[in-house]
Amino acid sequence: MLRGYPIRFARDESGSLQASCPALPEMAAYGEDTSVAALRAVDAIEEALAGRIAAWQDAPAPRPRIKGDRGFAALPMQTILKIELYRVVRAAGVTRAELQRRLGWHREQVDRLFRLDHASRLDQMEAAFNAAGADLDLTVHMRESAATERRP
């Protein structure tokens, strides 16, 4: 199931379409139409979240897309995992230094877990969740259109 954040669209005074995210008021992205603005919104949301992570501030939980969403920015799974790890670590009161100690890793290895522009390995993410006292689970949802397709 795709996870991300709802976005809203509005025309600005220059006629460009602006995408904003109620969960991240500091985020703004622009485009000529909704598809371009939504695509740019994903990058802008990741930048806003990266800023919050760097400042050790609260990060809102990504959520599944629901039927009433007019606009939605689905984030890459790697980004979702990193945001959720960050939220788990903060909720558990575990500092990066403590996570480093629990994992027996170098500081840079731990820091990369929270960098949204770095592709962390799944086994490293799982180890970090475990070290923070959380289990990582996977659920796969078949899209309705894929479930109804017939193969020859």
Protein backbone atom coordinates (compact mmCIF):
# COMPACT_ATOMS: atom_id res chain seq x y z
CA MET A 1 0.00 0.00 0.00
CA LEU A 2 1.45 3.31 -1.01
CA ARG A 3 2.23 5.62 1.88
CA GLY A 4 2.91 9.32 1.85
CA TYR A 5 1.19 12.61 2.55
CA PRO A 6 -1.92 14.33 1.22
CA ILE A 7 -1.23 17.44 -0.81
CA ARG A 8 -3.36 20.37 -1.89
CA PHE A 9 -3.17 22.37 -5.08
CA ALA A 10 -3.79 26.07 -5.59
CA ARG A 11 -2.88 28.62 -8.27
CA ASP A 12 -0.51 31.34 -7.15
CA GLU A 13 -0.58 34.95 -8.38
CA SER A 14 1.74 34.13 -11.31
CA GLY A 15 -0.56 31.35 -12.53
CA SER A 16 1.68 28.47 -11.46
CA LEU A 17 0.14 25.57 -9.63
CA GLN A 18 1.41 25.26 -6.06
CA ALA A 19 1.35 21.98 -4.14
CA SER A 20 1.34 22.23 -0.36
CA CYS A 21 1.24 19.63 2.37
CA PRO A 22 -0.90 20.29 5.47
CA ALA A 23 1.30 17.93 7.54
CA LEU A 24 4.45 19.84 6.51
CA PRO A 25 3.60 23.55 6.25
CA GLU A 26 7.18 24.44 5.31
CA MET A 27 6.87 22.43 2.08
CA ALA A 28 5.95 23.98 -1.27
CA ALA A 29 6.34 22.72 -4.83
CA TYR A 30 5.29 24.23 -8.15
CA GLY A 31 4.38 22.97 -11.58
CA GLU A 32 2.46 23.78 -14.73
CA ASP A 33 -0.18 21.15 -13.93
CA THR A 34 -1.14 18.77 -11.13
CA SER A 35 1.03 15.89 -12.36
CA VAL A 36 4.19 18.03 -12.45
CA ALA A 37 3.42 19.74 -9.14
CA ALA A 38 2.69 16.36 -7.49
CA LEU A 39 5.95 14.89 -8.79
CA ARG A 40 7.91 17.86 -7.46
CA ALA A 41 5.98 17.62 -4.17
CA VAL A 42 7.62 14.26 -3.45
CA ASP A 43 11.08 15.86 -3.58
CA ALA A 44 9.92 18.86 -1.55
CA ILE A 45 8.37 16.60 1.10
CA GLU A 46 11.60 14.61 1.35
CA GLU A 47 13.55 17.86 1.78
CA ALA A 48 11.18 19.07 4.51
CA LEU A 49 11.45 15.74 6.31
CA ALA A 50 15.25 15.71 5.96
CA GLY A 51 15.34 19.14 7.58
CA ARG A 52 13.22 17.95 10.48
CA ILE A 53 15.37 14.85 10.94
CA ALA A 54 18.59 16.92 10.88
CA ALA A 55 17.13 19.23 13.55
CA TRP A 56 15.77 16.23 15.54
CA GLN A 57 12.25 17.66 15.28
CA ASP A 58 8.93 15.83 15.10
CA ALA A 59 8.14 14.18 11.76
CA PRO A 60 4.53 13.37 10.94
CA ALA A 61 3.74 9.75 10.16
CA PRO A 62 3.20 8.93 6.48
CA ARG A 63 -0.18 7.38 5.87
CA PRO A 64 -1.87 5.29 3.20
CA ARG A 65 -3.75 7.01 0.43
CA ILE A 66 -7.47 7.08 1.14
CA LYS A 67 -10.39 7.45 -1.24
CA GLY A 68 -11.12 11.10 -0.38
CA ASP A 69 -7.59 12.34 -1.14
CA ARG A 70 -7.67 14.72 -4.08
CA GLY A 71 -3.90 14.94 -4.15
CA PHE A 72 -1.39 12.56 -2.66
CA ALA A 73 2.41 12.35 -2.72
CA ALA A 74 3.43 8.69 -2.46
CA LEU A 75 6.96 8.36 -1.14
CA PRO A 76 9.54 5.72 -2.04
CA MET A 77 9.62 2.74 0.34
CA GLN A 78 13.19 3.56 1.41
CA THR A 79 12.03 7.01 2.54
CA ILE A 80 9.06 5.52 4.42
CA LEU A 81 11.35 3.08 6.25
CA LYS A 82 13.76 5.83 7.24
CA ILE A 83 10.99 8.11 8.49
CA GLU A 84 9.46 5.29 10.50
CA LEU A 85 12.87 4.36 11.96
CA TYR A 86 13.40 7.99 12.94
CA ARG A 87 9.96 8.13 14.57
CA VAL A 88 10.58 4.85 16.47
CA VAL A 89 13.99 5.97 17.71
CA ARG A 90 12.62 9.32 18.91
CA ALA A 91 9.58 7.72 20.56
CA ALA A 92 11.85 5.24 22.39
CA GLY A 93 14.10 8.07 23.57
CA VAL A 94 17.11 6.48 21.89
CA THR A 95 19.80 8.90 20.78
CA ARG A 96 21.94 8.32 17.73
CA ALA A 97 24.90 7.69 20.03
CA GLU A 98 22.91 5.07 21.92
CA LEU A 99 21.78 3.46 18.66
CA GLN A 100 25.41 3.40 17.56
CA ARG A 101 26.39 1.67 20.80
CA ARG A 102 23.58 -0.89 20.54
CA LEU A 103 24.45 -1.74 16.95
CA GLY A 104 28.24 -1.67 17.40
CA TRP A 105 28.55 0.50 14.29
CA HIS A 106 30.54 3.60 13.40
CA ARG A 107 28.82 6.97 13.70
CA GLU A 108 28.64 7.51 9.93
CA GLN A 109 26.88 4.16 9.47
CA VAL A 110 24.17 5.22 11.91
CA ASP A 111 23.92 8.73 10.43
CA ARG A 112 23.30 7.23 6.97
CA LEU A 113 20.22 5.42 8.31
CA PHE A 114 18.56 8.82 8.71
CA ARG A 115 19.76 10.38 5.43
CA LEU A 116 16.84 10.20 3.01
CA ASP A 117 19.20 10.54 0.03
CA HIS A 118 21.21 7.46 1.02
CA ALA A 119 20.12 3.95 0.03
CA SER A 120 20.49 1.88 3.19
CA ARG A 121 20.44 -1.90 2.99
CA LEU A 122 17.34 -3.63 4.28
CA ASP A 123 19.31 -5.78 6.72
CA GLN A 124 20.79 -2.60 8.23
CA MET A 125 17.34 -1.04 8.57
CA GLU A 126 16.01 -4.19 10.22
CA ALA A 127 18.94 -4.27 12.67
CA ALA A 128 18.32 -0.62 13.56
CA PHE A 129 14.60 -1.20 14.17
CA ASN A 130 15.48 -4.16 16.40
CA ALA A 131 18.09 -2.14 18.30
CA ALA A 132 15.45 0.55 18.93
CA GLY A 133 13.05 -2.08 20.29
CA ALA A 134 10.76 -2.38 17.27
CA ASP A 135 9.97 -5.14 14.82
CA LEU A 136 9.93 -4.52 11.09
CA ASP A 137 7.04 -6.21 9.29
CA LEU A 138 6.12 -6.39 5.63
CA THR A 139 2.67 -6.47 4.12
CA VAL A 140 2.05 -6.66 0.39
CA HIS A 141 -1.29 -5.54 -1.01
CA MET A 142 -2.40 -6.56 -4.47
CA ARG A 143 -4.00 -3.72 -6.44
CA GLU A 144 -7.55 -4.48 -7.54
CA SER A 145 -6.68 -3.96 -11.19
CA ALA A 146 -3.81 -6.47 -10.95
CA ALA A 147 -5.96 -9.01 -9.13
CA THR A 148 -8.61 -8.94 -11.86
CA GLU A 149 -6.23 -9.19 -14.82
CA ARG A 150 -6.30 -12.52 -16.60
CA ARG A 151 -3.25 -14.17 -17.98
CA PRO A 152 -3.47 -16.36 -21.11
